[in-house]
Amino acid sequence: MVPASFVLVGTILSFDSFLATVEFQTNPPVNGGPSLAILPVEAIPCEAKIGKKLYVVKYEEQEIPTITCGIAEEMRKN
């Protein structure tokens, strides 16, 4: 069963010109600990840097989760 809404908080552990390794944790934290994901760098909507935080958010109304680099980054774009 896939949750209808969730927030994952990720930290970029490493990257190259094509892929980034990201450690994700649920928010709020639950049993199971962190997970690792390999994402294409082009899926990250900000400059990839080691230690940079990413947020994957899905609301009930969304079909596909959204990757953001934080509210401050989004506000600067607008």
Protein backbone atom coordinates (compact mmCIF):
# COMPACT_ATOMS: atom_id res chain seq x y z
CA MET A 1 0.00 0.00 0.00
CA VAL A 2 1.39 3.41 -1.04
CA PRO A 3 0.65 6.30 1.35
CA ALA A 4 -1.62 9.01 -0.07
CA SER A 5 0.56 11.81 1.35
CA PHE A 6 4.17 11.85 2.49
CA VAL A 7 7.29 13.97 2.93
CA LEU A 8 10.80 12.57 2.52
CA VAL A 9 13.80 14.59 3.64
CA GLY A 10 16.94 13.78 1.69
CA THR A 11 20.60 14.69 1.93
CA ILE A 12 22.90 14.47 -1.08
CA LEU A 13 25.78 12.15 -0.15
CA SER A 14 27.64 12.19 -3.47
CA PHE A 15 27.13 13.11 -7.11
CA ASP A 16 28.78 13.22 -10.50
CA SER A 17 27.65 14.83 -13.74
CA PHE A 18 24.82 12.27 -14.21
CA LEU A 19 23.71 10.73 -10.89
CA ALA A 20 23.36 11.71 -7.24
CA THR A 21 23.24 9.40 -4.21
CA VAL A 22 20.67 10.68 -1.73
CA GLU A 23 19.86 9.43 1.77
CA PHE A 24 16.14 9.82 2.52
CA GLN A 25 14.32 9.82 5.83
CA THR A 26 10.60 10.09 6.41
CA ASN A 27 9.22 13.12 8.20
CA PRO A 28 8.20 12.49 10.92
CA PRO A 29 10.74 9.68 11.42
CA VAL A 30 9.29 6.16 11.57
CA ASN A 31 10.73 2.70 12.09
CA GLY A 32 12.98 1.37 9.39
CA GLY A 33 15.67 4.03 9.27
CA PRO A 34 16.99 5.91 6.26
CA SER A 35 16.91 4.71 2.65
CA LEU A 36 19.32 5.38 -0.20
CA ALA A 37 18.27 6.47 -3.68
CA ILE A 38 20.16 7.13 -6.89
CA LEU A 39 18.60 10.08 -8.73
CA PRO A 40 19.49 11.66 -12.04
CA VAL A 41 21.12 15.03 -11.32
CA GLU A 42 18.68 16.61 -13.80
CA ALA A 43 15.79 15.63 -11.47
CA ILE A 44 17.23 17.87 -8.72
CA PRO A 45 15.81 21.39 -9.21
CA CYS A 46 18.80 23.16 -7.64
CA GLU A 47 22.58 22.92 -7.78
CA ALA A 48 23.73 19.53 -6.52
CA LYS A 49 26.09 19.90 -3.55
CA ILE A 50 27.18 17.36 -0.95
CA GLY A 51 25.08 17.90 2.17
CA LYS A 52 22.31 19.76 0.30
CA LYS A 53 18.79 18.99 1.56
CA LEU A 54 16.06 17.81 -0.81
CA TYR A 55 12.39 17.31 -0.09
CA VAL A 56 10.10 14.87 -1.87
CA VAL A 57 6.48 15.78 -1.21
CA LYS A 58 3.29 14.06 -2.32
CA TYR A 59 -0.19 15.25 -1.44
CA GLU A 60 -3.32 13.16 -1.92
CA GLU A 61 -4.32 15.18 -5.00
CA GLN A 62 -0.96 14.69 -6.77
CA GLU A 63 -0.25 11.69 -8.95
CA ILE A 64 3.53 12.26 -8.99
CA PRO A 65 5.62 13.49 -6.03
CA THR A 66 7.44 16.82 -6.30
CA ILE A 67 11.16 17.24 -5.58
CA THR A 68 12.10 20.63 -4.12
CA CYS A 69 15.17 22.14 -2.51
CA GLY A 70 13.19 23.96 0.17
CA ILE A 71 10.71 26.76 0.54
CA ALA A 72 13.37 29.50 0.44
CA GLU A 73 14.59 28.27 -2.97
CA GLU A 74 11.05 28.18 -4.36
CA MET A 75 10.25 31.66 -3.03
CA ARG A 76 13.35 33.14 -4.73
CA LYS A 77 12.18 31.83 -8.09
CA ASN A 78 8.86 33.70 -7.85
